[in-house]
Amino acid sequence: MDFVDRIRQYTEKQAAALMIDLLSYVSQENFIRLSYLAERVVHDESNKAIVRKIRDALMEGEDSVASQSFRRVMTQLDPAVLRRFGKTLFIRGFLESANMRDKFEQEHGFRPPFTMLISPTMRCNLRCKGCYSGLYPQEKGLEFDLLDRILTEARDIGICFVAFSGGEPLMRKKDLFTLIERHEDMYFMFYTNGTLIDKDVAARLRDLGNVAAIISLEGFKEATDDRRGPGVFDRIVRAMDLLRDEGLPFGSSLTVTRGNAYTLLTDEFVDFLIDKGVLIVWLFLFMPVGKDPDVSLMPTPEQREFIRQRDKEIRATRPIFIADFWNDAPAVGGCIAGGRQYIHINSNGDVEPCVFTHFAIDNIKDKSLVEVLDSEFFRSIRSKQPYSENLLTPCMIIDNPNVYRDLVRSCGAYPTHEGAEHVVTRIAKELDEYGCKVRALEDRIWREEYAEEQQQRASA
C-alpha cells in the first residue's frame, strides 16, 4: 500500500469516526446529509447500495415508516450505546471488514462469511416443545479459550458480527460478557429465552454497548407459555422493560408454525412489540430437526406465502425491521449457509453449515476457522448455491431435500447429535412431498412476480 492509499484510508476512518461521534446529536435532515459522506467512504458496492436505500427511504418525508423508525432508534437508544453500535457495525462492518474480506478472497479464492453463529452451550433452563437443539449433549460446551481463539481468528479474516445461540447463552453469562468485552471492536447478538435477563444483566449489556439481545416468543401469553412453560411470557415482558429502560437495542425471534402462521404477525402483536421497544424481528420457519422432529408443525406452502405478503404489509406500515430468513432469500441470492454468509459452530465444536443442518465433517478444536471454511463439505454446498433458480425455495433441508441428502452422503458428513440423521432417513419421504408442494406454489409466484426482474438482470 502506497502513501496516498494510507492517507486516503486514514481520512476515511477519521470521517467515519466523526460521523459516529455526531450520530446521537443529528437531526434527520443532517443524517441524510451525512449519508452522502458515508457513501463516499464506503467502497463495497453492496454497502453503498444499503446507504443509498436508507437515504432514499428517509427522504420520503417525516411521516414515512423510515422516518418513524429513525426517530425510534434515536430516542430509544442510550447515546453511548448508539455510538458504540455505529463504530462496531459501520466502521468495522462497512469499512474495515469489507476490505479485509476482499483481500482474503484475492489470496485464498473464497470469501469469508459476514457473520457466524456460535452455541457456547446447549444447556438451558427451559424445555420448549420441538426445540431444534434439544438432542445435543448438555455438557458445559466450548471452553473459554477456544471461544476466544475462534473470535480472534474471525476478526483476523474480516468477520465482525457474531451471534451466540444455544441452548441458552446466558447459562454462561460470565464467559459471554468477558468475551464481548475482550473483543470490543466486534458486534455481538445473542438469542435468548429472556428469562435470565434481570436488572444486573441489562446494566452489564449497557456498559458493554456492543451487544444486542434477541428474545424468543411464540406470540402472546397463551402461545408462548404453551410452548415454553407457564409464566415465561410475563418474564419476557419484564426483560424487555429492563432492556428498554437501559436504552439498549433488542429484538425478538419468532418461530412460524402451522398453528400460529395466521395469527403470529397480527397488527395487535406487532404493535405490542413496538410498544415494548423491539427494533427488529427475526422470523424462522419451524424446522423438523432436533428433539422429536414433527413435520406436521411445519407451516404449509400457503402459510409461507401468507407470511411473505404479511412481511410487506408490516414493512409498509410499521416502524420495525422484519428479517425473514426464507422469504427474504431473493434479496441475498438464496441460501447463505455453508460459509457463503454464515456458519454455525455447535457446543461440541462441530462446524455445521447452518444452525438447522446438524451434520459436519470438521471440528473447530482440530482445525483453524480458515481450514473449516475451505472444507470439502462447505465448498460443495457453496458450489450448488442457489439450489434452484427460484429463490423463494432457498432451503436445502425442506425445499430441496435431495440436495441435502446428496451433499451429506457425498462428503461423508456425520450427524452431530443422536437422531440428527432422521432428517435424511426417517422423514425423508415427508420432506420430499413437502418440497414438491412448496415448489409447485412458489414456482408460479416466482414466474409472475420476478420474471421482469430476472429479464432485467439477464440483459444487464
Protein backbone atom coordinates (compact mmCIF):
# COMPACT_ATOMS: atom_id res chain seq x y z
CA MET A 1 0.00 0.00 0.00
CA ASP A 2 1.50 3.35 -1.06
CA PHE A 3 1.48 6.63 0.86
CA VAL A 4 -1.57 8.02 -0.97
CA ASP A 5 -3.63 4.92 -0.13
CA ARG A 6 -2.63 5.20 3.52
CA ILE A 7 -3.67 8.85 3.64
CA ARG A 8 -6.96 8.06 1.90
CA GLN A 9 -7.78 5.26 4.34
CA TYR A 10 -6.81 7.42 7.31
CA THR A 11 -9.10 10.18 6.04
CA GLU A 12 -11.96 7.75 5.51
CA LYS A 13 -11.66 6.35 9.03
CA GLN A 14 -11.46 9.84 10.50
CA ALA A 15 -14.55 10.88 8.55
CA ALA A 16 -16.38 7.74 9.64
CA ALA A 17 -15.38 8.29 13.28
CA LEU A 18 -16.65 11.88 13.11
CA MET A 19 -19.99 10.73 11.72
CA ILE A 20 -20.37 8.20 14.52
CA ASP A 21 -19.48 10.77 17.19
CA LEU A 22 -22.18 13.07 15.82
CA LEU A 23 -24.73 10.31 15.40
CA SER A 24 -26.70 10.80 18.59
CA TYR A 25 -26.94 14.55 18.08
CA VAL A 26 -28.00 14.94 14.46
CA SER A 27 -31.44 15.66 13.08
CA GLN A 28 -32.94 13.53 10.36
CA GLU A 29 -32.08 16.22 7.81
CA ASN A 30 -28.43 16.27 8.86
CA PHE A 31 -28.36 12.47 8.99
CA ILE A 32 -29.37 12.47 5.33
CA ARG A 33 -26.53 14.88 4.60
CA LEU A 34 -24.10 12.65 6.46
CA SER A 35 -25.24 9.71 4.34
CA TYR A 36 -23.63 11.32 1.28
CA LEU A 37 -20.32 11.39 3.11
CA ALA A 38 -20.90 7.81 4.25
CA GLU A 39 -21.42 6.74 0.65
CA ARG A 40 -18.08 8.26 -0.29
CA VAL A 41 -16.07 6.49 2.39
CA VAL A 42 -17.71 3.09 1.77
CA HIS A 43 -16.16 1.16 -1.14
CA ASP A 44 -18.13 -2.09 -1.21
CA GLU A 45 -20.92 -1.65 -3.78
CA SER A 46 -23.49 -3.64 -1.83
CA ASN A 47 -22.84 -1.49 1.23
CA LYS A 48 -23.09 1.67 -0.89
CA ALA A 49 -26.48 0.41 -2.06
CA ILE A 50 -27.60 -0.01 1.56
CA VAL A 51 -26.59 3.58 2.37
CA ARG A 52 -28.50 4.88 -0.67
CA LYS A 53 -31.56 2.79 0.18
CA ILE A 54 -31.66 4.15 3.74
CA ARG A 55 -31.26 7.72 2.49
CA ASP A 56 -33.98 7.34 -0.16
CA ALA A 57 -36.37 5.95 2.43
CA LEU A 58 -35.71 8.81 4.85
CA MET A 59 -36.30 11.35 2.09
CA GLU A 60 -39.87 10.13 1.65
CA GLY A 61 -40.95 12.52 4.41
CA GLU A 62 -41.40 12.95 8.15
CA ASP A 63 -44.42 10.66 8.25
CA SER A 64 -42.78 7.79 6.37
CA VAL A 65 -42.15 4.46 8.09
CA ALA A 66 -38.40 5.01 7.65
CA SER A 67 -38.62 8.37 9.43
CA GLN A 68 -40.63 6.84 12.25
CA SER A 69 -38.01 4.10 12.60
CA PHE A 70 -35.23 6.69 12.63
CA ARG A 71 -36.93 8.59 15.47
CA ARG A 72 -37.44 5.34 17.39
CA VAL A 73 -33.75 4.48 17.23
CA MET A 74 -32.55 8.00 18.02
CA THR A 75 -34.85 8.45 21.02
CA GLN A 76 -34.88 4.92 22.41
CA LEU A 77 -31.17 4.09 22.44
CA ASP A 78 -28.73 5.39 25.01
CA PRO A 79 -26.38 7.84 23.18
CA ALA A 80 -23.23 5.95 24.20
CA VAL A 81 -24.75 2.65 23.10
CA LEU A 82 -25.79 4.20 19.79
CA ARG A 83 -22.25 5.44 19.11
CA ARG A 84 -20.78 2.06 20.04
CA PHE A 85 -23.24 0.36 17.71
CA GLY A 86 -22.17 2.69 14.91
CA LYS A 87 -18.46 2.20 15.49
CA THR A 88 -18.55 -1.58 15.54
CA LEU A 89 -21.02 -2.11 12.69
CA PHE A 90 -20.33 0.89 10.42
CA ILE A 91 -16.59 1.40 10.75
CA ARG A 92 -15.74 -2.27 11.27
CA GLY A 93 -18.56 -3.76 9.19
CA PHE A 94 -18.82 -1.31 6.30
CA LEU A 95 -15.21 -0.19 6.04
CA GLU A 96 -12.60 -2.47 7.54
CA SER A 97 -14.46 -5.80 7.31
CA ALA A 98 -15.33 -5.47 3.62
CA ASN A 99 -11.74 -4.54 2.76
CA MET A 100 -10.35 -7.43 4.80
CA ARG A 101 -12.69 -9.95 3.19
CA ASP A 102 -11.84 -8.59 -0.26
CA LYS A 103 -8.15 -9.12 0.43
CA PHE A 104 -8.74 -12.60 1.85
CA GLU A 105 -10.73 -13.61 -1.23
CA GLN A 106 -7.93 -12.48 -3.53
CA GLU A 107 -5.41 -14.56 -1.59
CA HIS A 108 -7.47 -17.70 -0.85
CA GLY A 109 -10.00 -17.93 -3.65
CA PHE A 110 -13.11 -17.75 -1.47
CA ARG A 111 -14.73 -15.02 0.57
CA PRO A 112 -15.19 -15.34 4.34
CA PRO A 113 -18.78 -15.10 5.58
CA PHE A 114 -20.06 -11.83 7.01
CA THR A 115 -21.09 -13.50 10.26
CA MET A 116 -21.09 -16.74 12.20
CA LEU A 117 -23.28 -18.29 14.88
CA ILE A 118 -21.73 -19.97 17.90
CA SER A 119 -23.51 -22.08 20.53
CA PRO A 120 -21.23 -21.95 23.59
CA THR A 121 -23.52 -24.36 25.45
CA MET A 122 -26.64 -26.40 24.81
CA ARG A 123 -27.69 -26.23 28.44
CA CYS A 124 -30.96 -24.41 29.01
CA ASN A 125 -33.24 -23.57 31.90
CA LEU A 126 -36.36 -24.28 29.80
CA ARG A 127 -37.66 -27.35 27.99
CA CYS A 128 -39.52 -25.96 24.98
CA LYS A 129 -41.62 -28.18 22.73
CA GLY A 130 -39.90 -29.06 19.46
CA CYS A 131 -36.58 -27.41 20.36
CA TYR A 132 -34.17 -27.66 17.42
CA SER A 133 -31.23 -28.14 19.82
CA GLY A 134 -32.92 -30.40 22.32
CA LEU A 135 -30.93 -33.54 21.47
CA TYR A 136 -27.44 -32.05 21.62
CA PRO A 137 -25.23 -33.11 24.56
CA GLN A 138 -25.89 -30.90 27.57
CA GLU A 139 -22.35 -30.72 28.97
CA LYS A 140 -20.66 -27.38 29.63
CA GLY A 141 -19.77 -26.79 26.00
CA LEU A 142 -16.93 -24.91 24.33
CA GLU A 143 -14.02 -23.89 26.55
CA PHE A 144 -13.47 -20.19 27.09
CA ASP A 145 -10.00 -20.22 25.49
CA LEU A 146 -11.36 -21.95 22.41
CA LEU A 147 -14.15 -19.39 22.08
CA ASP A 148 -11.59 -16.61 22.42
CA ARG A 149 -9.45 -18.23 19.71
CA ILE A 150 -12.41 -18.56 17.34
CA LEU A 151 -13.34 -14.90 17.75
CA THR A 152 -9.75 -13.80 17.22
CA GLU A 153 -9.48 -15.86 14.04
CA ALA A 154 -12.82 -14.49 12.87
CA ARG A 155 -11.74 -10.92 13.40
CA ASP A 156 -8.47 -11.52 11.54
CA ILE A 157 -10.31 -12.53 8.37
CA GLY A 158 -12.90 -9.76 8.50
CA ILE A 159 -15.82 -11.28 10.40
CA CYS A 160 -17.00 -8.52 12.71
CA PHE A 161 -20.53 -9.66 13.56
CA VAL A 162 -21.07 -12.76 15.72
CA ALA A 163 -24.25 -14.26 17.16
CA PHE A 164 -24.48 -16.61 20.14
CA SER A 165 -27.20 -19.21 20.49
CA GLY A 166 -27.69 -22.50 22.30
CA GLY A 167 -29.22 -23.76 24.48
CA GLU A 168 -29.46 -20.62 26.50
CA PRO A 169 -26.31 -18.48 26.13
CA LEU A 170 -26.91 -16.71 29.45
CA MET A 171 -26.29 -20.00 31.22
CA ARG A 172 -22.68 -18.91 30.64
CA LYS A 173 -23.16 -15.17 31.02
CA LYS A 174 -19.85 -14.57 32.80
CA ASP A 175 -17.83 -16.08 29.93
CA LEU A 176 -20.10 -14.47 27.36
CA PHE A 177 -19.71 -10.97 28.75
CA THR A 178 -15.95 -11.35 29.19
CA LEU A 179 -15.60 -12.37 25.53
CA ILE A 180 -17.76 -9.48 24.33
CA GLU A 181 -15.71 -7.04 26.39
CA ARG A 182 -12.39 -8.50 25.20
CA HIS A 183 -13.44 -8.24 21.53
CA GLU A 184 -14.71 -4.71 21.79
CA ASP A 185 -14.33 -3.90 18.09
CA MET A 186 -16.82 -6.62 17.09
CA TYR A 187 -20.60 -6.53 17.41
CA PHE A 188 -22.48 -9.37 19.08
CA MET A 189 -26.03 -10.61 19.25
CA PHE A 190 -27.41 -13.45 21.31
CA TYR A 191 -30.63 -15.45 21.01
CA THR A 192 -32.18 -15.94 24.42
CA ASN A 193 -35.40 -17.12 26.03
CA GLY A 194 -35.24 -13.90 28.08
CA THR A 195 -35.93 -15.44 31.46
CA LEU A 196 -32.39 -14.88 32.77
CA ILE A 197 -32.31 -11.16 31.95
CA ASP A 198 -32.51 -9.26 35.20
CA LYS A 199 -31.56 -5.72 36.18
CA ASP A 200 -27.88 -6.60 36.60
CA VAL A 201 -27.71 -8.30 33.19
CA ALA A 202 -29.39 -5.33 31.50
CA ALA A 203 -26.97 -2.90 33.14
CA ARG A 204 -24.00 -5.04 32.09
CA LEU A 205 -25.24 -5.09 28.48
CA ARG A 206 -25.46 -1.29 28.55
CA ASP A 207 -21.92 -0.99 29.87
CA LEU A 208 -20.66 -3.29 27.10
CA GLY A 209 -22.54 -1.44 24.36
CA ASN A 210 -21.59 -3.80 21.52
CA VAL A 211 -24.25 -6.45 22.04
CA ALA A 212 -27.98 -6.91 21.47
CA ALA A 213 -30.39 -9.49 22.88
CA ILE A 214 -32.90 -11.29 20.64
CA ILE A 215 -35.70 -12.75 22.74
CA SER A 216 -37.72 -15.74 21.53
CA LEU A 217 -41.51 -15.53 21.52
CA GLU A 218 -44.36 -17.57 20.05
CA GLY A 219 -46.93 -14.78 20.18
CA PHE A 220 -48.87 -13.53 23.18
CA LYS A 221 -49.03 -15.20 26.59
CA GLU A 222 -51.09 -18.28 25.73
CA ALA A 223 -48.99 -19.32 22.73
CA THR A 224 -45.65 -18.55 24.38
CA ASP A 225 -46.41 -20.29 27.65
CA ASP A 226 -47.85 -23.29 25.80
CA ARG A 227 -44.51 -23.97 24.11
CA ARG A 228 -42.06 -22.56 26.66
CA GLY A 229 -43.74 -23.13 30.02
CA PRO A 230 -46.10 -21.35 32.43
CA GLY A 231 -45.07 -17.81 33.35
CA VAL A 232 -42.42 -17.44 30.66
CA PHE A 233 -44.28 -14.71 28.76
CA ASP A 234 -44.51 -12.48 31.84
CA ARG A 235 -40.78 -12.92 32.48
CA ILE A 236 -40.04 -11.98 28.88
CA VAL A 237 -42.13 -8.81 29.16
CA ARG A 238 -40.18 -7.88 32.28
CA ALA A 239 -36.89 -8.47 30.46
CA MET A 240 -37.99 -6.23 27.58
CA ASP A 241 -38.88 -3.46 30.01
CA LEU A 242 -35.43 -3.69 31.60
CA LEU A 243 -33.63 -3.57 28.23
CA ARG A 244 -35.72 -0.62 27.03
CA ASP A 245 -35.13 1.29 30.28
CA GLU A 246 -31.36 0.88 29.78
CA GLY A 247 -31.57 2.30 26.26
CA LEU A 248 -30.46 -0.93 24.60
CA PRO A 249 -31.20 -2.24 21.10
CA PHE A 250 -33.00 -5.57 21.24
CA GLY A 251 -35.22 -7.71 19.09
CA SER A 252 -37.47 -10.73 19.05
CA SER A 253 -37.16 -14.13 17.38
CA LEU A 254 -40.43 -15.65 16.19
CA THR A 255 -40.91 -19.23 15.03
CA VAL A 256 -43.63 -19.67 12.41
CA THR A 257 -45.54 -22.96 12.78
CA ARG A 258 -48.60 -24.42 11.13
CA GLY A 259 -50.57 -23.48 14.22
CA ASN A 260 -49.61 -19.81 14.50
CA ALA A 261 -48.85 -18.72 10.91
CA TYR A 262 -52.10 -16.76 10.51
CA THR A 263 -52.07 -15.23 14.00
CA LEU A 264 -48.40 -14.56 14.75
CA LEU A 265 -47.97 -11.26 12.87
CA THR A 266 -51.26 -9.56 13.64
CA ASP A 267 -51.29 -5.78 13.90
CA GLU A 268 -52.04 -6.16 17.59
CA PHE A 269 -48.97 -8.31 18.24
CA VAL A 270 -46.62 -6.22 16.08
CA ASP A 271 -47.81 -3.06 17.84
CA PHE A 272 -47.21 -4.78 21.17
CA LEU A 273 -43.60 -5.50 20.15
CA ILE A 274 -43.07 -1.89 19.05
CA ASP A 275 -44.55 -0.59 22.30
CA LYS A 276 -42.19 -2.82 24.32
CA GLY A 277 -39.19 -1.41 22.43
CA VAL A 278 -38.43 -4.23 19.96
CA LEU A 279 -36.48 -2.83 17.00
CA ILE A 280 -36.03 -5.97 14.90
CA VAL A 281 -37.95 -9.21 14.38
CA TRP A 282 -36.21 -12.36 13.10
CA LEU A 283 -38.63 -14.81 11.51
CA PHE A 284 -37.79 -18.51 11.38
CA LEU A 285 -39.83 -21.36 9.95
CA PHE A 286 -40.29 -24.31 12.27
CA MET A 287 -37.76 -26.93 11.17
CA PRO A 288 -38.30 -30.67 11.79
CA VAL A 289 -34.87 -31.22 13.34
CA GLY A 290 -33.58 -31.79 16.85
CA LYS A 291 -35.92 -33.01 19.56
CA ASP A 292 -38.85 -35.11 18.28
CA PRO A 293 -38.89 -33.83 14.66
CA ASP A 294 -42.52 -33.27 13.69
CA VAL A 295 -43.28 -32.42 10.06
CA SER A 296 -46.88 -31.59 10.98
CA LEU A 297 -45.68 -28.44 12.78
CA MET A 298 -44.13 -27.00 9.62
CA PRO A 299 -46.07 -24.11 8.05
CA THR A 300 -47.79 -25.08 4.81
CA PRO A 301 -46.62 -23.58 1.50
CA GLU A 302 -49.72 -21.37 1.52
CA GLN A 303 -48.88 -20.16 5.02
CA ARG A 304 -45.31 -19.34 3.96
CA GLU A 305 -46.70 -17.23 1.14
CA PHE A 306 -49.12 -15.56 3.57
CA ILE A 307 -46.18 -14.62 5.82
CA ARG A 308 -44.27 -13.22 2.82
CA GLN A 309 -47.17 -10.94 1.97
CA ARG A 310 -47.59 -10.02 5.63
CA ASP A 311 -43.90 -9.03 5.75
CA LYS A 312 -44.58 -6.49 3.01
CA GLU A 313 -47.60 -5.06 4.82
CA ILE A 314 -45.72 -4.61 8.09
CA ARG A 315 -42.72 -3.01 6.39
CA ALA A 316 -45.04 -0.53 4.69
CA THR A 317 -46.97 0.43 7.82
CA ARG A 318 -44.92 -0.22 10.98
CA PRO A 319 -41.58 1.23 12.22
CA ILE A 320 -39.97 -2.12 12.93
CA PHE A 321 -37.41 -4.11 10.93
CA ILE A 322 -38.51 -7.55 9.72
CA ALA A 323 -35.90 -10.15 8.73
CA ASP A 324 -37.45 -13.29 7.25
CA PHE A 325 -34.77 -15.92 6.58
CA TRP A 326 -36.76 -17.85 3.98
CA ASN A 327 -38.95 -15.23 2.30
CA ASP A 328 -36.14 -12.70 2.09
CA ALA A 329 -33.88 -15.13 0.23
CA PRO A 330 -34.30 -13.30 -3.12
CA ALA A 331 -32.64 -10.24 -1.57
CA VAL A 332 -29.49 -12.19 -0.65
CA GLY A 333 -29.26 -14.62 -3.55
CA GLY A 334 -30.72 -17.68 -1.82
CA CYS A 335 -29.27 -19.85 0.94
CA ILE A 336 -26.46 -18.19 2.92
CA ALA A 337 -25.25 -21.33 4.75
CA GLY A 338 -22.04 -23.30 4.34
CA GLY A 339 -19.82 -20.25 4.75
CA ARG A 340 -21.38 -18.21 1.97
CA GLN A 341 -22.53 -15.69 4.55
CA TYR A 342 -22.55 -17.69 7.79
CA ILE A 343 -21.82 -20.96 9.58
CA HIS A 344 -22.73 -22.50 12.93
CA ILE A 345 -20.29 -23.88 15.49
CA ASN A 346 -22.13 -26.04 18.00
CA SER A 347 -21.27 -26.62 21.65
CA ASN A 348 -19.14 -29.65 20.83
CA GLY A 349 -17.09 -27.72 18.28
CA ASP A 350 -18.66 -29.35 15.22
CA VAL A 351 -18.84 -26.83 12.39
CA GLU A 352 -22.25 -27.04 10.74
CA PRO A 353 -23.46 -25.33 7.54
CA CYS A 354 -26.28 -23.65 9.46
CA VAL A 355 -27.99 -23.89 12.81
CA PHE A 356 -30.59 -26.32 11.43
CA THR A 357 -28.15 -28.51 9.46
CA HIS A 358 -26.92 -30.96 12.07
CA PHE A 359 -24.15 -32.58 10.05
CA ALA A 360 -20.43 -31.79 9.89
CA ILE A 361 -17.09 -33.12 8.70
CA ASP A 362 -14.83 -30.88 10.81
CA ASN A 363 -14.43 -29.82 14.41
CA ILE A 364 -13.04 -26.41 15.30
CA LYS A 365 -10.99 -27.98 18.10
CA ASP A 366 -8.81 -29.68 15.48
CA LYS A 367 -8.63 -27.09 12.70
CA SER A 368 -8.46 -23.35 12.18
CA LEU A 369 -11.50 -21.33 11.14
CA VAL A 370 -9.99 -20.81 7.68
CA GLU A 371 -9.47 -24.56 7.24
CA VAL A 372 -13.06 -25.47 8.11
CA LEU A 373 -14.44 -22.74 5.85
CA ASP A 374 -12.46 -24.28 2.99
CA SER A 375 -13.64 -27.83 3.72
CA GLU A 376 -14.97 -30.15 1.03
CA PHE A 377 -18.42 -30.04 2.67
CA PHE A 378 -18.68 -26.25 2.63
CA ARG A 379 -17.11 -25.87 -0.81
CA SER A 380 -19.61 -28.39 -2.18
CA ILE A 381 -22.52 -26.53 -0.59
CA ARG A 382 -21.37 -23.19 -1.97
CA SER A 383 -20.89 -24.68 -5.44
CA LYS A 384 -24.57 -25.68 -5.53
CA GLN A 385 -25.98 -22.38 -4.25
CA PRO A 386 -28.57 -21.35 -5.11
CA TYR A 387 -30.10 -24.80 -5.20
CA SER A 388 -32.85 -23.58 -7.51
CA GLU A 389 -33.31 -20.60 -9.81
CA ASN A 390 -36.44 -19.89 -7.77
CA LEU A 391 -35.05 -18.06 -4.76
CA LEU A 392 -38.37 -18.38 -2.94
CA THR A 393 -37.37 -22.03 -2.43
CA PRO A 394 -33.91 -21.43 -0.93
CA CYS A 395 -33.51 -24.15 1.69
CA MET A 396 -31.71 -27.42 1.05
CA ILE A 397 -33.33 -29.05 4.09
CA ILE A 398 -37.03 -28.52 3.38
CA ASP A 399 -37.28 -27.07 -0.14
CA ASN A 400 -34.58 -29.13 -1.90
CA PRO A 401 -34.05 -32.13 0.41
CA ASN A 402 -32.49 -34.23 -2.36
CA VAL A 403 -29.62 -31.72 -2.50
CA TYR A 404 -29.18 -32.03 1.25
CA ARG A 405 -29.06 -35.81 1.20
CA ASP A 406 -26.63 -35.88 -1.73
CA LEU A 407 -24.25 -33.45 -0.02
CA VAL A 408 -24.30 -35.35 3.27
CA ARG A 409 -23.60 -38.66 1.56
CA SER A 410 -21.02 -37.50 -1.00
CA CYS A 411 -18.98 -35.60 1.61
CA GLY A 412 -19.28 -38.25 4.33
CA ALA A 413 -20.77 -35.80 6.82
CA TYR A 414 -21.56 -37.19 10.27
CA PRO A 415 -24.64 -36.38 12.40
CA THR A 416 -23.70 -34.00 15.21
CA HIS A 417 -26.10 -35.48 17.76
CA GLU A 418 -28.19 -38.60 18.23
CA GLY A 419 -31.20 -38.52 15.95
CA ALA A 420 -29.86 -35.86 13.58
CA GLU A 421 -29.87 -38.43 10.79
CA HIS A 422 -33.69 -38.65 10.90
CA VAL A 423 -33.98 -35.68 8.56
CA VAL A 424 -32.28 -37.65 5.77
CA THR A 425 -33.73 -41.04 6.68
CA ARG A 426 -36.91 -41.35 8.73
CA ILE A 427 -38.72 -38.24 7.48
CA ALA A 428 -37.08 -38.06 4.03
CA LYS A 429 -40.27 -39.02 2.17
CA GLU A 430 -42.33 -36.44 4.04
CA LEU A 431 -39.78 -33.73 3.28
CA ASP A 432 -39.74 -34.70 -0.40
CA GLU A 433 -43.52 -34.33 -0.52
CA TYR A 434 -43.36 -31.02 1.32
CA GLY A 435 -40.66 -29.68 -1.01
CA CYS A 436 -42.72 -30.61 -4.09
CA LYS A 437 -45.73 -28.73 -2.73
CA VAL A 438 -43.63 -25.66 -1.93
CA ARG A 439 -42.09 -25.57 -5.37
CA ALA A 440 -45.47 -26.06 -7.09
CA LEU A 441 -46.80 -22.94 -5.41
CA GLU A 442 -43.68 -20.79 -5.36
CA ASP A 443 -42.63 -21.56 -8.96
CA ARG A 444 -45.84 -19.93 -10.20
CA ILE A 445 -45.37 -16.93 -7.93
CA TRP A 446 -41.70 -16.63 -8.92
CA ARG A 447 -42.61 -16.54 -12.61
CA GLU A 448 -45.34 -13.98 -12.05
CA GLU A 449 -43.56 -11.61 -9.66
CA TYR A 450 -39.90 -11.95 -10.55
CA ALA A 451 -39.95 -12.57 -14.32
CA GLU A 452 -39.39 -8.92 -15.19
CA GLU A 453 -36.62 -8.57 -12.62
CA GLN A 454 -34.88 -11.66 -13.97
CA GLN A 455 -35.09 -10.35 -17.52
CA GLN A 456 -33.54 -7.05 -16.46
CA ARG A 457 -30.65 -8.87 -14.77
CA ALA A 458 -30.09 -11.05 -17.81
CA SER A 459 -29.89 -8.04 -20.13
CA ALA A 460 -27.65 -6.02 -17.78
